[in-house]
């Protein structure tokens, strides 16, 4: 049985950008080492205020951890 080809899909033109070079790839890979400030999981809240309180707490903890890392000279938490 012969296959029928309908249409001729062409790859999207990347224009002047093209695929990432080695420096850009290293920069993208550096994001994999960063820790998120929000713990993984599903959170259910009764009110928006409860959700906002947790969000604020997580952000404050992340900022405090970053500042503590900078004062120790630890660069692993600087980009967290």
N, C-alpha and C. Protein backbone atom coordinates (compact mmCIF):
# COMPACT_ATOMS: atom_id res chain seq x y z
N UNK A 1 0.84 -1.18 0.00
CA UNK A 1 0.00 0.00 0.00
C UNK A 1 0.89 1.25 0.00
N UNK A 2 0.62 2.16 -0.86
CA UNK A 2 1.40 3.37 -1.00
C UNK A 2 0.92 4.43 0.00
N UNK A 3 1.89 5.09 0.68
CA UNK A 3 1.54 6.16 1.62
C UNK A 3 1.25 7.43 0.85
N UNK A 4 0.25 8.12 1.31
CA UNK A 4 -0.09 9.42 0.73
C UNK A 4 0.47 10.53 1.61
N UNK A 5 1.09 11.51 1.00
CA UNK A 5 1.61 12.65 1.74
C UNK A 5 0.69 13.83 1.46
N UNK A 6 0.14 14.37 2.54
CA UNK A 6 -0.74 15.52 2.40
C UNK A 6 -0.02 16.71 3.02
N UNK A 7 0.26 17.70 2.21
CA UNK A 7 0.97 18.87 2.70
C UNK A 7 2.46 18.60 2.76
N UNK A 8 3.21 19.64 2.91
CA UNK A 8 4.66 19.52 3.00
C UNK A 8 5.14 20.40 4.14
N UNK A 9 5.22 19.81 5.30
CA UNK A 9 5.64 20.55 6.48
C UNK A 9 7.14 20.82 6.41
N UNK A 10 7.49 22.05 6.64
CA UNK A 10 8.89 22.45 6.67
C UNK A 10 9.24 22.87 8.08
N UNK A 11 10.48 22.61 8.50
CA UNK A 11 10.88 23.05 9.84
C UNK A 11 10.80 24.57 9.93
N UNK A 12 10.50 25.04 11.14
CA UNK A 12 10.40 26.48 11.39
C UNK A 12 11.76 27.13 11.18
N UNK A 13 11.76 28.26 10.53
CA UNK A 13 12.99 29.00 10.29
C UNK A 13 13.44 29.67 11.59
N UNK A 14 14.66 29.40 11.98
CA UNK A 14 15.18 29.97 13.22
C UNK A 14 15.73 31.37 13.01
N UNK A 15 15.79 31.81 11.79
CA UNK A 15 16.24 33.17 11.52
C UNK A 15 17.68 33.37 11.93
N UNK A 16 17.95 34.50 12.53
CA UNK A 16 19.32 34.83 12.90
C UNK A 16 19.75 34.17 14.20
N UNK A 17 18.81 33.59 14.95
CA UNK A 17 19.15 33.06 16.27
C UNK A 17 19.82 31.69 16.19
N UNK A 18 19.18 30.71 15.60
CA UNK A 18 19.75 29.38 15.51
C UNK A 18 19.76 28.68 16.86
N UNK A 19 20.34 27.49 16.92
CA UNK A 19 20.40 26.75 18.19
C UNK A 19 21.37 27.42 19.16
N UNK A 20 21.24 27.14 20.46
CA UNK A 20 22.13 27.79 21.43
C UNK A 20 23.57 27.34 21.25
N UNK A 21 24.50 28.28 21.43
CA UNK A 21 25.92 27.91 21.38
C UNK A 21 26.33 27.33 22.73
N UNK A 22 27.61 26.98 22.88
CA UNK A 22 28.08 26.34 24.12
C UNK A 22 27.90 27.22 25.34
N UNK A 23 28.16 28.51 25.21
CA UNK A 23 28.01 29.42 26.35
C UNK A 23 26.54 29.53 26.77
N UNK A 24 25.65 29.64 25.81
CA UNK A 24 24.22 29.72 26.12
C UNK A 24 23.72 28.41 26.71
N UNK A 25 24.21 27.29 26.20
CA UNK A 25 23.81 25.99 26.74
C UNK A 25 24.27 25.83 28.18
N UNK A 26 25.48 26.29 28.48
CA UNK A 26 25.98 26.23 29.87
C UNK A 26 25.13 27.10 30.78
N UNK A 27 24.73 28.28 30.29
CA UNK A 27 23.88 29.17 31.08
C UNK A 27 22.54 28.51 31.36
N UNK A 28 21.95 27.88 30.35
CA UNK A 28 20.67 27.20 30.54
C UNK A 28 20.81 26.03 31.51
N UNK A 29 21.91 25.29 31.41
CA UNK A 29 22.13 24.15 32.29
C UNK A 29 22.32 24.58 33.74
N UNK A 30 22.82 25.81 33.94
CA UNK A 30 23.04 26.28 35.31
C UNK A 30 21.72 26.41 36.07
N UNK A 31 20.62 26.57 35.37
CA UNK A 31 19.33 26.67 36.04
C UNK A 31 18.93 25.35 36.70
N UNK A 32 19.44 24.24 36.21
CA UNK A 32 19.10 22.94 36.76
C UNK A 32 19.65 22.76 38.18
N UNK A 33 20.71 23.51 38.52
CA UNK A 33 21.33 23.40 39.84
C UNK A 33 20.64 24.23 40.90
N UNK A 34 19.71 25.06 40.49
CA UNK A 34 19.08 25.99 41.43
C UNK A 34 17.94 25.32 42.18
N UNK A 35 17.81 25.72 43.41
CA UNK A 35 16.77 25.19 44.28
C UNK A 35 15.55 26.10 44.19
N UNK A 36 14.37 25.50 44.09
CA UNK A 36 13.17 26.32 44.08
C UNK A 36 12.84 26.74 45.51
N UNK A 37 12.18 27.84 45.64
CA UNK A 37 11.82 28.33 46.97
C UNK A 37 10.52 27.73 47.46
N UNK A 38 9.74 27.18 46.56
CA UNK A 38 8.45 26.59 46.93
C UNK A 38 8.61 25.09 46.98
N UNK A 39 8.25 24.45 48.10
CA UNK A 39 8.36 23.00 48.18
C UNK A 39 7.43 22.33 47.17
N UNK A 40 7.85 21.14 46.72
CA UNK A 40 7.03 20.41 45.76
C UNK A 40 5.79 19.86 46.45
N UNK A 41 4.75 19.73 45.71
CA UNK A 41 3.53 19.16 46.25
C UNK A 41 2.31 19.93 45.80
N UNK A 42 1.18 19.44 46.22
CA UNK A 42 -0.10 20.09 45.92
C UNK A 42 -0.59 20.73 47.21
N UNK A 43 -0.88 22.00 47.14
CA UNK A 43 -1.32 22.72 48.32
C UNK A 43 -2.75 23.20 48.10
N UNK A 44 -3.57 22.98 49.08
CA UNK A 44 -4.96 23.44 49.03
C UNK A 44 -5.20 24.36 50.21
N UNK A 45 -5.72 25.51 49.91
CA UNK A 45 -5.95 26.52 50.96
C UNK A 45 -7.43 26.89 50.99
N UNK A 46 -7.88 27.26 52.17
CA UNK A 46 -9.27 27.71 52.31
C UNK A 46 -9.45 29.12 51.78
N UNK A 47 -8.40 29.93 51.93
CA UNK A 47 -8.51 31.34 51.50
C UNK A 47 -7.25 31.75 50.74
N UNK A 48 -7.38 32.82 50.02
CA UNK A 48 -6.22 33.38 49.33
C UNK A 48 -5.21 33.91 50.34
N UNK A 49 -5.69 34.38 51.46
CA UNK A 49 -4.79 34.91 52.48
C UNK A 49 -3.85 33.82 53.00
N UNK A 50 -4.38 32.60 53.21
CA UNK A 50 -3.54 31.49 53.66
C UNK A 50 -2.47 31.17 52.62
N UNK A 51 -2.88 31.14 51.37
CA UNK A 51 -1.93 30.86 50.29
C UNK A 51 -0.87 31.95 50.20
N UNK A 52 -1.29 33.19 50.30
CA UNK A 52 -0.35 34.31 50.24
C UNK A 52 0.62 34.29 51.42
N UNK A 53 0.14 33.88 52.60
CA UNK A 53 1.01 33.81 53.77
C UNK A 53 2.11 32.78 53.55
N UNK A 54 1.77 31.61 53.02
CA UNK A 54 2.79 30.60 52.71
C UNK A 54 3.76 31.11 51.66
N UNK A 55 3.25 31.73 50.61
CA UNK A 55 4.10 32.27 49.54
C UNK A 55 5.09 33.29 50.10
N UNK A 56 4.59 34.18 50.96
CA UNK A 56 5.46 35.19 51.57
C UNK A 56 6.52 34.54 52.46
N UNK A 57 6.11 33.52 53.21
CA UNK A 57 7.06 32.82 54.09
C UNK A 57 8.16 32.15 53.28
N UNK A 58 7.77 31.45 52.19
CA UNK A 58 8.76 30.78 51.34
C UNK A 58 9.72 31.77 50.72
N UNK A 59 9.20 32.89 50.26
CA UNK A 59 10.07 33.91 49.66
C UNK A 59 11.02 34.50 50.69
N UNK A 60 10.52 34.77 51.90
CA UNK A 60 11.36 35.33 52.96
C UNK A 60 12.47 34.34 53.33
N UNK A 61 12.13 33.06 53.42
CA UNK A 61 13.14 32.05 53.73
C UNK A 61 14.19 31.97 52.62
N UNK A 62 13.75 32.08 51.38
CA UNK A 62 14.69 32.04 50.26
C UNK A 62 15.62 33.22 50.25
N UNK A 63 15.08 34.40 50.54
CA UNK A 63 15.92 35.60 50.59
C UNK A 63 16.92 35.49 51.74
N UNK A 64 16.45 35.02 52.89
CA UNK A 64 17.35 34.87 54.04
C UNK A 64 18.45 33.86 53.73
N UNK A 65 18.11 32.79 53.06
CA UNK A 65 19.11 31.78 52.70
C UNK A 65 20.13 32.35 51.71
N UNK A 66 19.65 33.15 50.76
CA UNK A 66 20.54 33.77 49.79
C UNK A 66 21.50 34.74 50.47
N UNK A 67 20.98 35.56 51.37
CA UNK A 67 21.81 36.52 52.08
C UNK A 67 22.84 35.79 52.95
N UNK A 68 22.41 34.74 53.62
CA UNK A 68 23.33 33.98 54.46
C UNK A 68 24.42 33.34 53.60
N UNK A 69 24.06 32.85 52.43
CA UNK A 69 25.04 32.26 51.52
C UNK A 69 26.04 33.27 51.02
N UNK A 70 25.57 34.49 50.73
CA UNK A 70 26.48 35.54 50.26
C UNK A 70 27.46 35.94 51.35
N UNK A 71 26.98 35.99 52.60
CA UNK A 71 27.86 36.41 53.68
C UNK A 71 28.92 35.34 53.99
N UNK A 72 28.58 34.07 53.70
CA UNK A 72 29.55 32.98 53.89
C UNK A 72 30.47 32.84 52.68
N UNK A 73 30.11 33.52 51.58
CA UNK A 73 30.90 33.37 50.36
C UNK A 73 30.48 32.15 49.57
N UNK A 74 29.37 31.55 49.94
CA UNK A 74 28.84 30.36 49.26
C UNK A 74 28.07 30.84 48.02
N UNK A 75 28.50 30.39 46.84
CA UNK A 75 27.84 30.83 45.60
C UNK A 75 26.71 29.90 45.19
N UNK A 76 26.54 28.76 45.86
CA UNK A 76 25.49 27.84 45.44
C UNK A 76 24.09 28.37 45.77
N UNK A 77 23.97 29.22 46.78
CA UNK A 77 22.65 29.75 47.13
C UNK A 77 22.42 31.14 46.56
N UNK A 78 23.42 31.72 45.95
CA UNK A 78 23.28 33.08 45.44
C UNK A 78 22.24 33.12 44.33
N UNK A 79 22.20 32.12 43.47
CA UNK A 79 21.27 32.10 42.35
C UNK A 79 20.03 31.30 42.65
N UNK A 80 19.78 30.99 43.90
CA UNK A 80 18.61 30.17 44.24
C UNK A 80 17.33 30.94 44.06
